[in-house]
Amino acid sequence: ETLIMNGASIVPGNVLAVLKGRDVTLVLDMGDGMSWTLNGQSFTEEEFGDIDFSVEIKTGIIPDDIIRSLAGDRNTIQLSLAYDGAFGFTASLSLDLEEKNAGLYASLFAYDGQEEKLEFITSSEIGEDGCADFDFTHASDYAIVIDEAPFDGSAQQTETEEETQETELELEEDSSKEKAEFNRLTALILVA
């Protein structure tokens, strides 16, 4: 069942309680290419309060230096979920990240404001329609990093690994040149 929210964002707890334990899927169409999908079989809590499913995009809640240290020059989007805390179920958010990003990957990171760090959650391939889907069990602030491959935040390690491989290749080339020079000199000495 799809529920078009028409600007509303709060789902009453008694509606959520009806879904619990049932193989019923409810899609909350939030507009602007954004929707939440809930299935009653993922519900773990006995009771639910009202939940605000609104999502604010590009909030600037996460400090720029933290975003840059994680993502470098990669395209990022920040999300702030209105609700704060555990949902008590899995809610899948489908988000329009634009068709120009089709085939790329969107990697989701949760922001821990107390520790001032981003924690990798999951990656999702962006579909032909420009949408990516993410499963949430908890609501807070998030960053999405868009890249050509799934990105878990270890870019610095990847760059270091590439630099190490390049250095190793250069050393192997130097070693091969030295061996060739040694063999040439040995041959000259033996001939003389």
N, C-alpha and C. Protein backbone atom coordinates (compact mmCIF):
# COMPACT_ATOMS: atom_id res chain seq x y z
N GLU A 1 0.85 -1.18 0.00
CA GLU A 1 0.00 0.00 0.00
C GLU A 1 0.90 1.24 0.00
N THR A 2 0.62 2.17 -0.90
CA THR A 2 1.36 3.42 -0.96
C THR A 2 0.50 4.54 -0.38
N LEU A 3 1.11 5.26 0.51
CA LEU A 3 0.44 6.39 1.15
C LEU A 3 1.14 7.66 0.70
N ILE A 4 0.45 8.50 -0.06
CA ILE A 4 1.02 9.77 -0.50
C ILE A 4 0.85 10.75 0.65
N MET A 5 1.97 11.26 1.14
CA MET A 5 1.97 12.03 2.37
C MET A 5 1.50 13.48 2.20
N ASN A 6 1.51 14.03 0.98
CA ASN A 6 1.03 15.39 0.71
C ASN A 6 1.55 16.41 1.72
N GLY A 7 2.84 16.39 1.97
CA GLY A 7 3.43 17.37 2.88
C GLY A 7 3.45 16.94 4.33
N ALA A 8 2.65 15.95 4.69
CA ALA A 8 2.68 15.42 6.06
C ALA A 8 3.91 14.54 6.21
N SER A 9 4.40 14.38 7.42
CA SER A 9 5.58 13.54 7.62
C SER A 9 5.46 12.63 8.84
N ILE A 10 4.47 12.86 9.68
CA ILE A 10 4.34 12.09 10.92
C ILE A 10 3.36 10.94 10.73
N VAL A 11 3.83 9.74 11.12
CA VAL A 11 2.97 8.55 11.10
C VAL A 11 2.67 8.21 12.55
N PRO A 12 1.38 8.17 12.92
CA PRO A 12 1.00 7.88 14.30
C PRO A 12 1.45 6.48 14.75
N GLY A 13 1.82 6.36 16.00
CA GLY A 13 2.25 5.09 16.56
C GLY A 13 1.23 3.98 16.43
N ASN A 14 -0.08 4.32 16.52
CA ASN A 14 -1.10 3.27 16.41
C ASN A 14 -1.16 2.69 14.99
N VAL A 15 -0.80 3.48 13.97
CA VAL A 15 -0.73 2.96 12.60
C VAL A 15 0.44 2.00 12.48
N LEU A 16 1.57 2.36 13.06
CA LEU A 16 2.74 1.50 13.03
C LEU A 16 2.48 0.19 13.77
N ALA A 17 1.77 0.28 14.89
CA ALA A 17 1.48 -0.91 15.70
C ALA A 17 0.64 -1.93 14.92
N VAL A 18 -0.22 -1.44 14.03
CA VAL A 18 -1.06 -2.33 13.22
C VAL A 18 -0.21 -3.14 12.25
N LEU A 19 0.90 -2.57 11.80
CA LEU A 19 1.78 -3.26 10.85
C LEU A 19 2.60 -4.38 11.50
N LYS A 20 2.91 -4.24 12.78
CA LYS A 20 3.84 -5.15 13.47
C LYS A 20 3.48 -6.62 13.26
N GLY A 21 4.50 -7.39 12.81
CA GLY A 21 4.37 -8.82 12.66
C GLY A 21 3.66 -9.27 11.39
N ARG A 22 3.11 -8.36 10.64
CA ARG A 22 2.38 -8.72 9.42
C ARG A 22 3.27 -8.57 8.19
N ASP A 23 3.03 -9.40 7.21
CA ASP A 23 3.75 -9.29 5.94
C ASP A 23 3.02 -8.25 5.08
N VAL A 24 3.05 -7.04 5.57
CA VAL A 24 2.40 -5.92 4.90
C VAL A 24 3.46 -4.85 4.68
N THR A 25 3.51 -4.33 3.46
CA THR A 25 4.47 -3.28 3.14
C THR A 25 3.72 -1.97 2.94
N LEU A 26 4.21 -0.95 3.61
CA LEU A 26 3.64 0.38 3.51
C LEU A 26 4.71 1.29 2.92
N VAL A 27 4.38 1.99 1.83
CA VAL A 27 5.28 2.95 1.20
C VAL A 27 4.76 4.34 1.50
N LEU A 28 5.64 5.14 2.08
CA LEU A 28 5.30 6.54 2.40
C LEU A 28 5.95 7.42 1.33
N ASP A 29 5.14 7.92 0.39
CA ASP A 29 5.65 8.79 -0.67
C ASP A 29 5.75 10.19 -0.12
N MET A 30 6.99 10.63 0.13
CA MET A 30 7.24 11.92 0.75
C MET A 30 7.29 13.05 -0.28
N GLY A 31 7.26 12.72 -1.57
CA GLY A 31 7.39 13.72 -2.63
C GLY A 31 8.84 13.97 -2.97
N ASP A 32 9.08 14.69 -4.04
CA ASP A 32 10.43 15.04 -4.49
C ASP A 32 11.35 13.83 -4.66
N GLY A 33 10.79 12.71 -5.14
CA GLY A 33 11.61 11.53 -5.40
C GLY A 33 12.08 10.80 -4.15
N MET A 34 11.41 11.02 -3.04
CA MET A 34 11.80 10.40 -1.77
C MET A 34 10.63 9.57 -1.22
N SER A 35 10.94 8.33 -0.81
CA SER A 35 9.90 7.52 -0.18
C SER A 35 10.53 6.58 0.84
N TRP A 36 9.73 6.26 1.86
CA TRP A 36 10.12 5.29 2.89
C TRP A 36 9.29 4.03 2.66
N THR A 37 9.92 2.85 2.81
CA THR A 37 9.21 1.58 2.71
C THR A 37 9.36 0.84 4.03
N LEU A 38 8.22 0.45 4.61
CA LEU A 38 8.19 -0.26 5.89
C LEU A 38 7.51 -1.61 5.68
N ASN A 39 8.05 -2.65 6.28
CA ASN A 39 7.39 -3.96 6.25
C ASN A 39 7.19 -4.41 7.69
N GLY A 40 5.97 -4.80 8.02
CA GLY A 40 5.61 -5.17 9.38
C GLY A 40 6.43 -6.29 9.97
N GLN A 41 7.02 -7.14 9.14
CA GLN A 41 7.81 -8.25 9.66
C GLN A 41 9.17 -7.80 10.22
N SER A 42 9.58 -6.57 9.92
CA SER A 42 10.87 -6.09 10.45
C SER A 42 10.70 -5.40 11.80
N PHE A 43 9.48 -5.25 12.28
CA PHE A 43 9.23 -4.53 13.53
C PHE A 43 9.66 -5.36 14.73
N THR A 44 10.41 -4.73 15.64
CA THR A 44 10.91 -5.45 16.81
C THR A 44 10.33 -4.93 18.13
N GLU A 45 9.82 -3.72 18.14
CA GLU A 45 9.27 -3.13 19.36
C GLU A 45 7.81 -3.53 19.53
N GLU A 46 7.35 -3.50 20.77
CA GLU A 46 5.94 -3.81 21.06
C GLU A 46 5.05 -2.59 20.90
N GLU A 47 5.58 -1.43 21.30
CA GLU A 47 4.80 -0.19 21.23
C GLU A 47 5.57 0.86 20.46
N PHE A 48 4.81 1.73 19.80
CA PHE A 48 5.43 2.78 18.99
C PHE A 48 4.81 4.12 19.30
N GLY A 49 5.67 5.12 19.35
CA GLY A 49 5.18 6.49 19.42
C GLY A 49 5.06 7.01 18.00
N ASP A 50 4.59 8.22 17.85
CA ASP A 50 4.52 8.84 16.54
C ASP A 50 5.94 9.04 16.01
N ILE A 51 6.13 8.83 14.69
CA ILE A 51 7.45 9.00 14.09
C ILE A 51 7.35 9.99 12.94
N ASP A 52 8.25 10.96 12.99
CA ASP A 52 8.35 11.96 11.94
C ASP A 52 9.37 11.45 10.91
N PHE A 53 8.90 11.17 9.70
CA PHE A 53 9.75 10.62 8.65
C PHE A 53 10.34 11.69 7.73
N SER A 54 10.25 12.95 8.09
CA SER A 54 10.79 13.98 7.20
C SER A 54 12.31 13.91 7.17
N VAL A 55 12.85 14.26 6.00
CA VAL A 55 14.28 14.23 5.75
C VAL A 55 14.67 15.58 5.15
N GLU A 56 15.67 16.19 5.74
CA GLU A 56 16.20 17.45 5.23
C GLU A 56 17.50 17.15 4.49
N ILE A 57 17.61 17.65 3.27
CA ILE A 57 18.80 17.39 2.46
C ILE A 57 19.70 18.62 2.45
N LYS A 58 21.03 18.38 2.48
CA LYS A 58 22.04 19.45 2.46
C LYS A 58 21.86 20.39 3.65
N THR A 59 21.87 19.82 4.82
CA THR A 59 21.61 20.60 6.02
C THR A 59 22.82 21.36 6.55
N GLY A 60 24.05 20.93 6.22
CA GLY A 60 25.23 21.58 6.75
C GLY A 60 25.46 21.27 8.22
N ILE A 61 24.80 20.24 8.71
CA ILE A 61 24.92 19.84 10.12
C ILE A 61 26.28 19.23 10.42
N ILE A 62 26.86 18.55 9.43
CA ILE A 62 28.17 17.92 9.62
C ILE A 62 29.24 18.93 9.21
N PRO A 63 30.21 19.19 10.08
CA PRO A 63 31.25 20.18 9.76
C PRO A 63 31.98 19.85 8.45
N ASP A 64 32.27 20.88 7.67
CA ASP A 64 32.93 20.71 6.36
C ASP A 64 34.25 19.97 6.46
N ASP A 65 35.05 20.24 7.51
CA ASP A 65 36.35 19.58 7.61
C ASP A 65 36.21 18.07 7.80
N ILE A 66 35.15 17.65 8.48
CA ILE A 66 34.92 16.20 8.67
C ILE A 66 34.50 15.57 7.35
N ILE A 67 33.64 16.26 6.59
CA ILE A 67 33.21 15.76 5.29
C ILE A 67 34.42 15.67 4.35
N ARG A 68 35.23 16.73 4.29
CA ARG A 68 36.40 16.74 3.40
C ARG A 68 37.42 15.67 3.78
N SER A 69 37.64 15.47 5.08
CA SER A 69 38.63 14.47 5.49
C SER A 69 38.17 13.06 5.12
N LEU A 70 36.86 12.85 5.05
CA LEU A 70 36.33 11.55 4.66
C LEU A 70 36.29 11.40 3.14
N ALA A 71 35.67 12.36 2.48
CA ALA A 71 35.31 12.20 1.07
C ALA A 71 36.28 12.85 0.09
N GLY A 72 37.13 13.73 0.57
CA GLY A 72 38.03 14.43 -0.35
C GLY A 72 37.21 15.24 -1.35
N ASP A 73 37.48 15.03 -2.63
CA ASP A 73 36.77 15.77 -3.69
C ASP A 73 35.51 15.07 -4.18
N ARG A 74 35.15 13.96 -3.58
CA ARG A 74 33.95 13.23 -4.02
C ARG A 74 32.69 14.05 -3.72
N ASN A 75 31.68 13.85 -4.55
CA ASN A 75 30.40 14.52 -4.36
C ASN A 75 29.73 13.98 -3.10
N THR A 76 29.23 14.87 -2.24
CA THR A 76 28.56 14.44 -1.01
C THR A 76 27.22 15.14 -0.86
N ILE A 77 26.34 14.48 -0.14
CA ILE A 77 25.03 15.02 0.20
C ILE A 77 24.83 14.75 1.68
N GLN A 78 24.29 15.71 2.40
CA GLN A 78 24.02 15.51 3.83
C GLN A 78 22.51 15.37 4.04
N LEU A 79 22.16 14.46 4.94
CA LEU A 79 20.76 14.23 5.30
C LEU A 79 20.59 14.39 6.80
N SER A 80 19.49 14.99 7.18
CA SER A 80 19.14 15.06 8.58
C SER A 80 17.72 14.51 8.73
N LEU A 81 17.58 13.43 9.46
CA LEU A 81 16.27 12.84 9.70
C LEU A 81 15.65 13.53 10.90
N ALA A 82 14.38 13.91 10.77
CA ALA A 82 13.70 14.67 11.84
C ALA A 82 13.61 13.86 13.13
N TYR A 83 13.29 12.59 12.98
CA TYR A 83 13.18 11.71 14.14
C TYR A 83 14.59 11.45 14.65
N ASP A 84 14.73 11.22 15.94
CA ASP A 84 16.05 10.95 16.50
C ASP A 84 15.97 9.70 17.35
N GLY A 85 16.81 8.72 17.03
CA GLY A 85 16.84 7.49 17.81
C GLY A 85 16.45 6.28 16.98
N ALA A 86 16.32 5.13 17.66
CA ALA A 86 15.97 3.87 16.99
C ALA A 86 14.52 3.88 16.55
N PHE A 87 14.28 3.34 15.37
CA PHE A 87 12.91 3.23 14.86
C PHE A 87 12.15 2.09 15.53
N GLY A 88 12.83 0.98 15.79
CA GLY A 88 12.15 -0.23 16.27
C GLY A 88 11.74 -1.11 15.10
N PHE A 89 12.25 -0.81 13.92
CA PHE A 89 12.00 -1.56 12.69
C PHE A 89 12.99 -1.07 11.64
N THR A 90 13.01 -1.76 10.50
CA THR A 90 13.85 -1.32 9.39
C THR A 90 13.00 -0.49 8.44
N ALA A 91 13.48 0.69 8.13
CA ALA A 91 12.79 1.57 7.18
C ALA A 91 13.75 1.80 6.02
N SER A 92 13.30 1.51 4.82
CA SER A 92 14.13 1.69 3.64
C SER A 92 13.80 3.02 2.99
N LEU A 93 14.81 3.86 2.83
CA LEU A 93 14.64 5.17 2.22
C LEU A 93 15.11 5.10 0.78
N SER A 94 14.21 5.44 -0.15
CA SER A 94 14.57 5.58 -1.55
C SER A 94 14.72 7.06 -1.81
N LEU A 95 15.87 7.43 -2.36
CA LEU A 95 16.23 8.84 -2.50
C LEU A 95 16.68 9.12 -3.92
N ASP A 96 16.13 10.17 -4.53
CA ASP A 96 16.51 10.57 -5.88
C ASP A 96 17.83 11.32 -5.82
N LEU A 97 18.88 10.72 -6.40
CA LEU A 97 20.21 11.32 -6.42
C LEU A 97 20.58 11.79 -7.83
N GLU A 98 19.60 11.93 -8.68
CA GLU A 98 19.71 12.44 -10.04
C GLU A 98 20.20 11.38 -11.03
N GLU A 99 19.57 11.37 -12.20
CA GLU A 99 19.90 10.41 -13.25
C GLU A 99 21.35 10.50 -13.71
N LYS A 100 21.95 11.68 -13.63
CA LYS A 100 23.35 11.83 -14.06
C LYS A 100 24.29 10.94 -13.23
N ASN A 101 23.83 10.49 -12.04
CA ASN A 101 24.64 9.63 -11.17
C ASN A 101 24.33 8.14 -11.35
N ALA A 102 23.46 7.82 -12.31
CA ALA A 102 23.11 6.41 -12.55
C ALA A 102 24.36 5.58 -12.80
N GLY A 103 24.42 4.40 -12.16
CA GLY A 103 25.56 3.51 -12.31
C GLY A 103 26.68 3.77 -11.31
N LEU A 104 26.64 4.92 -10.65
CA LEU A 104 27.62 5.21 -9.60
C LEU A 104 27.14 4.59 -8.29
N TYR A 105 27.91 4.73 -7.24
CA TYR A 105 27.54 4.19 -5.94
C TYR A 105 27.36 5.31 -4.93
N ALA A 106 26.37 5.15 -4.09
CA ALA A 106 26.10 6.08 -3.00
C ALA A 106 26.39 5.34 -1.71
N SER A 107 27.36 5.85 -0.95
CA SER A 107 27.75 5.22 0.30
C SER A 107 27.26 6.07 1.46
N LEU A 108 26.58 5.42 2.40
CA LEU A 108 25.93 6.09 3.52
C LEU A 108 26.81 6.02 4.77
N PHE A 109 26.97 7.18 5.42
CA PHE A 109 27.74 7.29 6.66
C PHE A 109 26.88 7.98 7.71
N ALA A 110 26.86 7.43 8.93
CA ALA A 110 26.16 8.05 10.05
C ALA A 110 27.12 8.99 10.75
N TYR A 111 26.61 10.15 11.15
CA TYR A 111 27.43 11.13 11.83
C TYR A 111 27.24 11.01 13.34
N ASP A 112 28.35 10.82 14.04
CA ASP A 112 28.36 10.80 15.50
C ASP A 112 28.85 12.16 15.96
N GLY A 113 27.93 13.02 16.37
CA GLY A 113 28.26 14.38 16.75
C GLY A 113 29.13 14.48 17.99
N GLN A 114 28.98 13.53 18.92
CA GLN A 114 29.80 13.57 20.13
C GLN A 114 31.25 13.21 19.83
N GLU A 115 31.45 12.21 19.00
CA GLU A 115 32.80 11.78 18.63
C GLU A 115 33.34 12.57 17.44
N GLU A 116 32.46 13.33 16.79
CA GLU A 116 32.79 14.10 15.60
C GLU A 116 33.44 13.22 14.53
N LYS A 117 32.74 12.14 14.18
CA LYS A 117 33.24 11.25 13.14
C LYS A 117 32.07 10.66 12.36
N LEU A 118 32.39 10.16 11.18
CA LEU A 118 31.42 9.51 10.31
C LEU A 118 31.70 8.02 10.29
N GLU A 119 30.64 7.23 10.42
CA GLU A 119 30.77 5.77 10.43
C GLU A 119 30.08 5.17 9.22
N PHE A 120 30.80 4.35 8.46
CA PHE A 120 30.24 3.71 7.27
C PHE A 120 29.08 2.80 7.65
N ILE A 121 27.97 2.92 6.89
CA ILE A 121 26.80 2.06 7.11
C ILE A 121 26.63 1.07 5.97
N THR A 122 26.51 1.57 4.74
CA THR A 122 26.28 0.71 3.59
C THR A 122 26.49 1.48 2.29
N SER A 123 26.58 0.75 1.19
CA SER A 123 26.63 1.36 -0.14
C SER A 123 25.49 0.82 -0.98
N SER A 124 25.02 1.66 -1.90
CA SER A 124 23.92 1.29 -2.78
C SER A 124 24.23 1.79 -4.18
N GLU A 125 24.05 0.93 -5.18
CA GLU A 125 24.24 1.37 -6.55
C GLU A 125 23.06 2.26 -6.95
N ILE A 126 23.37 3.37 -7.59
CA ILE A 126 22.33 4.30 -8.04
C ILE A 126 21.73 3.75 -9.33
N GLY A 127 20.41 3.58 -9.32
CA GLY A 127 19.72 2.99 -10.47
C GLY A 127 19.65 3.92 -11.66
N GLU A 128 19.15 3.39 -12.78
CA GLU A 128 19.01 4.17 -14.01
C GLU A 128 18.12 5.39 -13.81
N ASP A 129 17.19 5.29 -12.87
CA ASP A 129 16.29 6.41 -12.59
C ASP A 129 16.91 7.45 -11.65
N GLY A 130 18.16 7.20 -11.21
CA GLY A 130 18.85 8.13 -10.32
C GLY A 130 18.58 7.88 -8.85
N CYS A 131 17.84 6.83 -8.53
CA CYS A 131 17.49 6.55 -7.13
C CYS A 131 18.40 5.51 -6.50
N ALA A 132 18.63 5.68 -5.21
CA ALA A 132 19.38 4.72 -4.41
C ALA A 132 18.55 4.41 -3.17
N ASP A 133 18.66 3.19 -2.66
CA ASP A 133 17.89 2.75 -1.49
C ASP A 133 18.83 2.44 -0.34
N PHE A 134 18.43 2.88 0.86
CA PHE A 134 19.22 2.64 2.07
C PHE A 134 18.31 2.15 3.17
N ASP A 135 18.75 1.14 3.92
CA ASP A 135 17.99 0.65 5.06
C ASP A 135 18.45 1.36 6.33
N PHE A 136 17.48 1.88 7.08
CA PHE A 136 17.75 2.58 8.34
C PHE A 136 17.05 1.84 9.49
N THR A 137 17.72 1.72 10.61
CA THR A 137 17.09 1.23 11.84
C THR A 137 17.13 2.33 12.89
N HIS A 138 17.85 3.39 12.58
CA HIS A 138 18.10 4.47 13.52
C HIS A 138 18.06 5.78 12.74
N ALA A 139 17.58 6.82 13.36
CA ALA A 139 17.50 8.13 12.70
C ALA A 139 18.44 9.12 13.37
N SER A 140 19.19 9.85 12.56
CA SER A 140 20.05 10.94 13.03
C SER A 140 20.51 11.71 11.81
N ASP A 141 21.78 12.12 11.78
CA ASP A 141 22.34 12.85 10.65
C ASP A 141 23.27 11.93 9.86
N TYR A 142 23.26 12.10 8.55
CA TYR A 142 24.01 11.21 7.67
C TYR A 142 24.67 11.99 6.54
N ALA A 143 25.71 11.38 5.97
CA ALA A 143 26.34 11.89 4.75
C ALA A 143 26.31 10.76 3.73
N ILE A 144 26.09 11.13 2.48
CA ILE A 144 26.15 10.19 1.36
C ILE A 144 27.31 10.64 0.48
N VAL A 145 28.20 9.70 0.18
CA VAL A 145 29.34 9.96 -0.70
C VAL A 145 29.08 9.24 -2.01
N ILE A 146 29.13 9.99 -3.12
CA ILE A 146 28.88 9.41 -4.44
C ILE A 146 30.22 9.20 -5.13
N ASP A 147 30.43 7.96 -5.62
CA ASP A 147 31.70 7.63 -6.24
C ASP A 147 31.48 6.52 -7.27
N GLU A 148 32.54 6.20 -8.03
CA GLU A 148 32.46 5.18 -9.07
C GLU A 148 32.38 3.77 -8.51
N ALA A 149 32.77 3.58 -7.27
CA ALA A 149 32.76 2.27 -6.62
C ALA A 149 32.28 2.44 -5.19
N PRO A 150 31.83 1.36 -4.56
CA PRO A 150 31.45 1.48 -3.15
C PRO A 150 32.62 2.07 -2.36
N PHE A 151 32.31 2.96 -1.44
CA PHE A 151 33.33 3.70 -0.70
C PHE A 151 33.04 3.55 0.79
N ASP A 152 34.00 2.98 1.54
CA ASP A 152 33.76 2.77 2.97
C ASP A 152 34.54 3.74 3.85
N GLY A 153 35.13 4.74 3.23
CA GLY A 153 35.86 5.74 4.01
C GLY A 153 37.34 5.50 4.09
N SER A 154 37.82 4.43 3.47
CA SER A 154 39.24 4.12 3.55
C SER A 154 40.00 4.65 2.34
N ALA A 155 39.59 5.80 1.83
CA ALA A 155 40.23 6.39 0.65
C ALA A 155 41.71 6.65 0.88
N GLN A 156 42.04 7.13 2.07
CA GLN A 156 43.43 7.40 2.36
C GLN A 156 44.24 6.11 2.28
N GLN A 157 43.67 5.02 2.78
CA GLN A 157 44.36 3.73 2.70
C GLN A 157 44.52 3.32 1.25
N THR A 158 43.47 3.52 0.46
CA THR A 158 43.53 3.14 -0.94
C THR A 158 44.61 3.93 -1.66
N GLU A 159 44.67 5.25 -1.43
CA GLU A 159 45.69 6.08 -2.06
C GLU A 159 47.08 5.63 -1.61
N THR A 160 47.24 5.32 -0.33
CA THR A 160 48.52 4.86 0.18
C THR A 160 48.91 3.54 -0.45
N GLU A 161 47.93 2.63 -0.60
CA GLU A 161 48.21 1.34 -1.23
C GLU A 161 48.65 1.55 -2.68
N GLU A 162 47.99 2.46 -3.40
CA GLU A 162 48.37 2.73 -4.78
C GLU A 162 49.78 3.30 -4.84
N GLU A 163 50.11 4.24 -3.94
CA GLU A 163 51.44 4.82 -3.91
C GLU A 163 52.49 3.75 -3.61
N THR A 164 52.16 2.84 -2.68
CA THR A 164 53.08 1.76 -2.32
C THR A 164 53.32 0.85 -3.52
N GLN A 165 52.24 0.51 -4.25
CA GLN A 165 52.38 -0.34 -5.42
C GLN A 165 53.23 0.33 -6.48
N GLU A 166 53.03 1.65 -6.69
CA GLU A 166 53.83 2.38 -7.67
C GLU A 166 55.30 2.37 -7.27
N THR A 167 55.59 2.59 -5.98
CA THR A 167 56.96 2.59 -5.48
C THR A 167 57.59 1.21 -5.67
N GLU A 168 56.82 0.14 -5.37
CA GLU A 168 57.33 -1.22 -5.54
C GLU A 168 57.65 -1.49 -7.01
N LEU A 169 56.80 -1.03 -7.93
CA LEU A 169 57.07 -1.22 -9.35
C LEU A 169 58.34 -0.48 -9.77
N GLU A 170 58.50 0.76 -9.27
CA GLU A 170 59.70 1.52 -9.59
C GLU A 170 60.94 0.81 -9.07
N LEU A 171 60.86 0.26 -7.84
CA LEU A 171 62.00 -0.46 -7.27
C LEU A 171 62.31 -1.71 -8.09
N GLU A 172 61.25 -2.42 -8.52
CA GLU A 172 61.47 -3.62 -9.34
C GLU A 172 62.13 -3.24 -10.65
N GLU A 173 61.69 -2.13 -11.28
CA GLU A 173 62.29 -1.67 -12.53
C GLU A 173 63.76 -1.31 -12.30
N ASP A 174 64.04 -0.58 -11.21
CA ASP A 174 65.41 -0.21 -10.89
C ASP A 174 66.26 -1.46 -10.67
N SER A 175 65.71 -2.43 -9.95
CA SER A 175 66.42 -3.67 -9.67
C SER A 175 66.70 -4.43 -10.96
N SER A 176 65.71 -4.46 -11.86
CA SER A 176 65.91 -5.13 -13.15
C SER A 176 67.00 -4.46 -13.96
N LYS A 177 67.03 -3.13 -13.95
CA LYS A 177 68.05 -2.38 -14.67
C LYS A 177 69.43 -2.68 -14.08
N GLU A 178 69.50 -2.71 -12.74
CA GLU A 178 70.77 -3.00 -12.07
C GLU A 178 71.25 -4.41 -12.40
N LYS A 179 70.34 -5.37 -12.42
CA LYS A 179 70.71 -6.75 -12.76
C LYS A 179 71.21 -6.84 -14.19
N ALA A 180 70.53 -6.14 -15.10
CA ALA A 180 70.95 -6.16 -16.50
C ALA A 180 72.34 -5.55 -16.64
N GLU A 181 72.58 -4.43 -15.94
CA GLU A 181 73.90 -3.77 -15.99
C GLU A 181 74.97 -4.69 -15.40
N PHE A 182 74.64 -5.37 -14.28
CA PHE A 182 75.59 -6.30 -13.65
C PHE A 182 75.91 -7.44 -14.61
N ASN A 183 74.89 -8.00 -15.24
CA ASN A 183 75.09 -9.11 -16.18
C ASN A 183 75.94 -8.66 -17.38
N ARG A 184 75.71 -7.43 -17.86
CA ARG A 184 76.49 -6.91 -18.99
C ARG A 184 77.96 -6.75 -18.59
N LEU A 185 78.20 -6.18 -17.39
CA LEU A 185 79.58 -6.01 -16.92
C LEU A 185 80.27 -7.34 -16.69
N THR A 186 79.53 -8.29 -16.14
CA THR A 186 80.10 -9.64 -15.91
C THR A 186 80.49 -10.28 -17.23
N ALA A 187 79.63 -10.12 -18.23
CA ALA A 187 79.93 -10.68 -19.55
C ALA A 187 81.16 -10.02 -20.15
N LEU A 188 81.33 -8.71 -19.97
CA LEU A 188 82.49 -7.99 -20.50
C LEU A 188 83.78 -8.46 -19.81
N ILE A 189 83.68 -8.67 -18.49
CA ILE A 189 84.86 -9.12 -17.74
C ILE A 189 85.25 -10.52 -18.18
N LEU A 190 84.27 -11.40 -18.36
CA LEU A 190 84.55 -12.77 -18.76
C LEU A 190 85.13 -12.82 -20.18
N VAL A 191 84.69 -11.96 -21.03
CA VAL A 191 85.17 -11.92 -22.40
C VAL A 191 86.61 -11.42 -22.44
N ALA A 192 86.90 -10.46 -21.59
CA ALA A 192 88.24 -9.86 -21.58
C ALA A 192 89.19 -10.81 -20.94
